[in-house]
Amino acid sequence: MRIATLLLIGTTLCFASCTSGPSYLSRSVDDRMNKSYTESPIGTALLSDVIPVYPIIKVLAWIPDFLILNPIQFWTSDVLDGKGAGFRHKNPSPIKEPWFK
């Protein structure tokens, strides 16, 4: 019973670190999609909604984030200094404000 409890706690901690990292790869796909949208909204809509290229790439980028990069960043750096490493998104150019702001 005690070993099962320790395994459950260890697994929970490991998966918590998997989801709470900066997710560099999947967020860089977000940046690329955002840049693509500013340059070609119709093309981006086709590649994200009609032919799900961007969603598939995002899932494929999320897997190494979840299994490798986030846990390493979390356990080797963020936990030790008590500060998280956030992802810095790139601003696309030209910047056009949405109509609803």
N, C-alpha and C. Protein backbone atom coordinates (compact mmCIF):
# COMPACT_ATOMS: atom_id res chain seq x y z
N MET A 1 0.83 -1.20 0.00
CA MET A 1 0.00 0.00 0.00
C MET A 1 0.87 1.26 0.00
N ARG A 2 1.92 1.25 0.79
CA ARG A 2 2.80 2.41 0.88
C ARG A 2 3.54 2.65 -0.43
N ILE A 3 3.98 1.60 -1.09
CA ILE A 3 4.69 1.73 -2.37
C ILE A 3 3.75 2.28 -3.43
N ALA A 4 2.50 1.80 -3.44
CA ALA A 4 1.52 2.28 -4.41
C ALA A 4 1.25 3.77 -4.20
N THR A 5 1.19 4.20 -2.96
CA THR A 5 0.97 5.61 -2.66
C THR A 5 2.15 6.45 -3.14
N LEU A 6 3.36 5.99 -2.88
CA LEU A 6 4.54 6.72 -3.34
C LEU A 6 4.61 6.78 -4.86
N LEU A 7 4.25 5.70 -5.53
CA LEU A 7 4.22 5.70 -6.99
C LEU A 7 3.18 6.66 -7.52
N LEU A 8 2.03 6.71 -6.88
CA LEU A 8 0.97 7.63 -7.29
C LEU A 8 1.42 9.07 -7.12
N ILE A 9 2.04 9.38 -6.00
CA ILE A 9 2.54 10.75 -5.77
C ILE A 9 3.64 11.10 -6.77
N GLY A 10 4.56 10.18 -7.00
CA GLY A 10 5.63 10.42 -7.97
C GLY A 10 5.11 10.64 -9.38
N THR A 11 4.15 9.82 -9.78
CA THR A 11 3.55 9.96 -11.11
C THR A 11 2.81 11.28 -11.24
N THR A 12 2.08 11.65 -10.19
CA THR A 12 1.36 12.92 -10.22
C THR A 12 2.32 14.09 -10.34
N LEU A 13 3.41 14.07 -9.59
CA LEU A 13 4.40 15.14 -9.68
C LEU A 13 5.04 15.19 -11.06
N CYS A 14 5.32 14.05 -11.63
CA CYS A 14 5.93 14.00 -12.96
C CYS A 14 4.99 14.59 -14.00
N PHE A 15 3.71 14.19 -13.97
CA PHE A 15 2.77 14.72 -14.95
C PHE A 15 2.46 16.19 -14.71
N ALA A 16 2.52 16.63 -13.46
CA ALA A 16 2.33 18.05 -13.19
C ALA A 16 3.43 18.86 -13.85
N SER A 17 4.65 18.35 -13.82
CA SER A 17 5.75 19.07 -14.46
C SER A 17 5.62 19.03 -15.98
N CYS A 18 4.98 17.98 -16.49
CA CYS A 18 4.81 17.87 -17.95
C CYS A 18 3.88 18.94 -18.48
N THR A 19 2.86 19.28 -17.72
CA THR A 19 1.89 20.25 -18.21
C THR A 19 2.24 21.67 -17.83
N SER A 20 3.09 21.86 -16.83
CA SER A 20 3.36 23.22 -16.36
C SER A 20 4.74 23.70 -16.76
N GLY A 21 5.02 23.67 -18.01
CA GLY A 21 6.29 24.18 -18.51
C GLY A 21 6.04 25.24 -19.55
N PRO A 22 7.08 25.81 -20.10
CA PRO A 22 6.92 26.88 -21.08
C PRO A 22 6.42 26.41 -22.44
N SER A 23 6.49 25.14 -22.74
CA SER A 23 5.99 24.58 -24.01
C SER A 23 6.53 25.33 -25.23
N TYR A 24 7.85 25.37 -25.34
CA TYR A 24 8.49 26.15 -26.40
C TYR A 24 8.08 25.71 -27.80
N LEU A 25 8.04 24.42 -28.05
CA LEU A 25 7.76 23.97 -29.42
C LEU A 25 6.33 24.28 -29.83
N SER A 26 5.36 23.93 -28.99
CA SER A 26 3.97 24.14 -29.39
C SER A 26 3.62 25.63 -29.43
N ARG A 27 4.22 26.42 -28.57
CA ARG A 27 3.94 27.86 -28.62
C ARG A 27 4.64 28.54 -29.79
N SER A 28 5.74 27.97 -30.26
CA SER A 28 6.36 28.52 -31.46
C SER A 28 5.48 28.23 -32.69
N VAL A 29 4.73 27.13 -32.65
CA VAL A 29 3.76 26.88 -33.72
C VAL A 29 2.66 27.94 -33.66
N ASP A 30 2.24 28.32 -32.45
CA ASP A 30 1.26 29.41 -32.31
C ASP A 30 1.79 30.70 -32.94
N ASP A 31 3.07 31.01 -32.66
CA ASP A 31 3.66 32.22 -33.24
C ASP A 31 3.69 32.16 -34.76
N ARG A 32 4.04 31.00 -35.29
CA ARG A 32 4.10 30.85 -36.74
C ARG A 32 2.71 31.00 -37.35
N MET A 33 1.71 30.42 -36.70
CA MET A 33 0.34 30.53 -37.21
C MET A 33 -0.14 31.98 -37.13
N ASN A 34 0.21 32.67 -36.06
CA ASN A 34 -0.17 34.08 -35.91
C ASN A 34 0.48 34.93 -37.00
N LYS A 35 1.76 34.70 -37.26
CA LYS A 35 2.46 35.43 -38.32
C LYS A 35 1.84 35.12 -39.68
N SER A 36 1.53 33.86 -39.90
CA SER A 36 0.91 33.45 -41.16
C SER A 36 -0.46 34.11 -41.33
N TYR A 37 -1.20 34.24 -40.24
CA TYR A 37 -2.52 34.86 -40.32
C TYR A 37 -2.43 36.33 -40.71
N THR A 38 -1.40 37.03 -40.20
CA THR A 38 -1.27 38.45 -40.55
C THR A 38 -0.91 38.62 -42.02
N GLU A 39 -0.23 37.63 -42.60
CA GLU A 39 0.18 37.72 -44.00
C GLU A 39 -0.89 37.20 -44.95
N SER A 40 -1.62 36.17 -44.53
CA SER A 40 -2.62 35.56 -45.41
C SER A 40 -3.72 34.91 -44.58
N PRO A 41 -4.75 35.68 -44.22
CA PRO A 41 -5.82 35.12 -43.40
C PRO A 41 -6.55 33.94 -44.06
N ILE A 42 -6.76 34.03 -45.37
CA ILE A 42 -7.47 32.95 -46.06
C ILE A 42 -6.62 31.68 -46.10
N GLY A 43 -5.34 31.83 -46.42
CA GLY A 43 -4.45 30.68 -46.44
C GLY A 43 -4.32 30.02 -45.08
N THR A 44 -4.25 30.84 -44.03
CA THR A 44 -4.16 30.30 -42.67
C THR A 44 -5.45 29.60 -42.29
N ALA A 45 -6.58 30.16 -42.68
CA ALA A 45 -7.86 29.51 -42.39
C ALA A 45 -7.94 28.15 -43.08
N LEU A 46 -7.44 28.08 -44.31
CA LEU A 46 -7.43 26.80 -45.02
C LEU A 46 -6.54 25.78 -44.32
N LEU A 47 -5.36 26.24 -43.84
CA LEU A 47 -4.41 25.33 -43.21
C LEU A 47 -4.72 25.02 -41.75
N SER A 48 -5.68 25.72 -41.18
CA SER A 48 -6.02 25.42 -39.79
C SER A 48 -7.42 24.84 -39.64
N ASP A 49 -8.33 25.20 -40.53
CA ASP A 49 -9.71 24.75 -40.38
C ASP A 49 -10.15 23.73 -41.42
N VAL A 50 -9.81 23.97 -42.69
CA VAL A 50 -10.24 23.05 -43.75
C VAL A 50 -9.32 21.83 -43.81
N ILE A 51 -8.04 22.09 -43.97
CA ILE A 51 -7.01 21.03 -43.94
C ILE A 51 -6.26 21.25 -42.62
N PRO A 52 -6.43 20.41 -41.62
CA PRO A 52 -5.90 20.72 -40.28
C PRO A 52 -4.38 20.56 -40.15
N VAL A 53 -3.64 21.33 -40.94
CA VAL A 53 -2.19 21.24 -40.90
C VAL A 53 -1.66 21.81 -39.58
N TYR A 54 -2.06 23.03 -39.23
CA TYR A 54 -1.56 23.66 -38.01
C TYR A 54 -1.96 22.88 -36.75
N PRO A 55 -3.19 22.39 -36.62
CA PRO A 55 -3.52 21.60 -35.43
C PRO A 55 -2.70 20.31 -35.32
N ILE A 56 -2.44 19.66 -36.44
CA ILE A 56 -1.63 18.42 -36.41
C ILE A 56 -0.20 18.74 -36.02
N ILE A 57 0.37 19.81 -36.59
CA ILE A 57 1.74 20.20 -36.24
C ILE A 57 1.81 20.58 -34.76
N LYS A 58 0.78 21.26 -34.26
CA LYS A 58 0.78 21.66 -32.85
C LYS A 58 0.77 20.44 -31.93
N VAL A 59 -0.02 19.43 -32.26
CA VAL A 59 -0.04 18.20 -31.45
C VAL A 59 1.31 17.50 -31.52
N LEU A 60 1.89 17.44 -32.70
CA LEU A 60 3.20 16.80 -32.85
C LEU A 60 4.29 17.57 -32.10
N ALA A 61 4.17 18.88 -32.02
CA ALA A 61 5.14 19.69 -31.26
C ALA A 61 4.87 19.59 -29.76
N TRP A 62 3.61 19.38 -29.38
CA TRP A 62 3.24 19.29 -27.97
C TRP A 62 3.80 18.02 -27.32
N ILE A 63 3.92 16.95 -28.07
CA ILE A 63 4.39 15.67 -27.50
C ILE A 63 5.79 15.80 -26.90
N PRO A 64 6.81 16.28 -27.64
CA PRO A 64 8.12 16.43 -26.98
C PRO A 64 8.12 17.50 -25.89
N ASP A 65 7.28 18.53 -26.03
CA ASP A 65 7.15 19.50 -24.94
C ASP A 65 6.70 18.80 -23.67
N PHE A 66 5.66 18.00 -23.79
CA PHE A 66 5.04 17.32 -22.64
C PHE A 66 5.97 16.27 -22.04
N LEU A 67 6.62 15.48 -22.88
CA LEU A 67 7.41 14.35 -22.38
C LEU A 67 8.85 14.70 -22.02
N ILE A 68 9.45 15.69 -22.68
CA ILE A 68 10.88 15.94 -22.49
C ILE A 68 11.17 17.36 -21.99
N LEU A 69 10.81 18.36 -22.78
CA LEU A 69 11.26 19.72 -22.52
C LEU A 69 10.66 20.33 -21.26
N ASN A 70 9.34 20.23 -21.08
CA ASN A 70 8.71 20.81 -19.89
C ASN A 70 9.21 20.19 -18.59
N PRO A 71 9.28 18.84 -18.47
CA PRO A 71 9.79 18.28 -17.21
C PRO A 71 11.23 18.68 -16.92
N ILE A 72 12.08 18.71 -17.94
CA ILE A 72 13.48 19.10 -17.72
C ILE A 72 13.56 20.55 -17.26
N GLN A 73 12.85 21.43 -17.93
CA GLN A 73 12.85 22.85 -17.54
C GLN A 73 12.30 23.01 -16.13
N PHE A 74 11.20 22.32 -15.83
CA PHE A 74 10.54 22.46 -14.53
C PHE A 74 11.43 21.97 -13.40
N TRP A 75 11.94 20.73 -13.51
CA TRP A 75 12.67 20.11 -12.41
C TRP A 75 14.12 20.59 -12.29
N THR A 76 14.75 21.01 -13.38
CA THR A 76 16.17 21.39 -13.29
C THR A 76 16.37 22.88 -13.10
N SER A 77 15.37 23.69 -13.40
CA SER A 77 15.59 25.13 -13.31
C SER A 77 14.50 25.83 -12.51
N ASP A 78 13.26 25.65 -12.91
CA ASP A 78 12.17 26.42 -12.32
C ASP A 78 11.94 26.09 -10.84
N VAL A 79 11.99 24.84 -10.48
CA VAL A 79 11.78 24.44 -9.08
C VAL A 79 12.93 24.94 -8.21
N LEU A 80 14.14 24.90 -8.74
CA LEU A 80 15.32 25.27 -7.95
C LEU A 80 15.36 26.75 -7.59
N ASP A 81 14.98 27.61 -8.55
CA ASP A 81 15.04 29.04 -8.24
C ASP A 81 13.67 29.65 -7.92
N GLY A 82 12.61 28.86 -8.02
CA GLY A 82 11.28 29.35 -7.65
C GLY A 82 10.67 30.31 -8.64
N LYS A 83 11.21 30.40 -9.85
CA LYS A 83 10.68 31.29 -10.89
C LYS A 83 10.50 30.49 -12.17
N GLY A 84 9.37 30.70 -12.82
CA GLY A 84 9.11 30.00 -14.06
C GLY A 84 9.73 30.71 -15.25
N ALA A 85 10.00 29.95 -16.28
CA ALA A 85 10.54 30.50 -17.52
C ALA A 85 9.40 30.61 -18.52
N GLY A 86 8.91 31.80 -18.72
CA GLY A 86 7.81 32.01 -19.63
C GLY A 86 8.26 32.04 -21.08
N PHE A 87 7.35 31.74 -21.96
CA PHE A 87 7.63 31.79 -23.39
C PHE A 87 7.39 33.21 -23.89
N ARG A 88 8.35 33.76 -24.60
CA ARG A 88 8.20 35.11 -25.16
C ARG A 88 7.65 35.01 -26.57
N HIS A 89 6.42 35.43 -26.73
CA HIS A 89 5.80 35.40 -28.06
C HIS A 89 6.36 36.53 -28.92
N LYS A 90 6.44 36.25 -30.20
CA LYS A 90 6.92 37.26 -31.15
C LYS A 90 5.73 38.05 -31.67
N ASN A 91 5.90 39.35 -31.80
CA ASN A 91 4.86 40.18 -32.38
C ASN A 91 4.98 40.12 -33.89
N PRO A 92 3.88 39.79 -34.57
CA PRO A 92 3.95 39.77 -36.03
C PRO A 92 4.00 41.19 -36.58
N SER A 93 4.53 41.32 -37.76
CA SER A 93 4.52 42.63 -38.39
C SER A 93 3.93 42.48 -39.78
N PRO A 94 3.15 43.34 -40.28
CA PRO A 94 2.68 44.55 -39.61
C PRO A 94 1.60 44.22 -38.58
N ILE A 95 1.55 45.01 -37.54
CA ILE A 95 0.57 44.78 -36.48
C ILE A 95 -0.70 45.54 -36.82
N LYS A 96 -1.80 44.83 -36.88
CA LYS A 96 -3.10 45.44 -37.13
C LYS A 96 -3.97 45.09 -35.92
N GLU A 97 -4.52 46.08 -35.30
CA GLU A 97 -5.38 45.85 -34.13
C GLU A 97 -6.70 45.26 -34.57
N PRO A 98 -7.26 44.32 -33.78
CA PRO A 98 -8.59 43.81 -34.10
C PRO A 98 -9.64 44.92 -33.96
N TRP A 99 -10.73 44.79 -34.66
CA TRP A 99 -11.78 45.81 -34.65
C TRP A 99 -12.46 45.94 -33.30
N PHE A 100 -12.41 44.89 -32.48
CA PHE A 100 -13.15 44.90 -31.21
C PHE A 100 -12.35 45.43 -30.04
N LYS A 101 -11.16 45.91 -30.28
CA LYS A 101 -10.37 46.47 -29.15
C LYS A 101 -10.60 47.93 -29.03
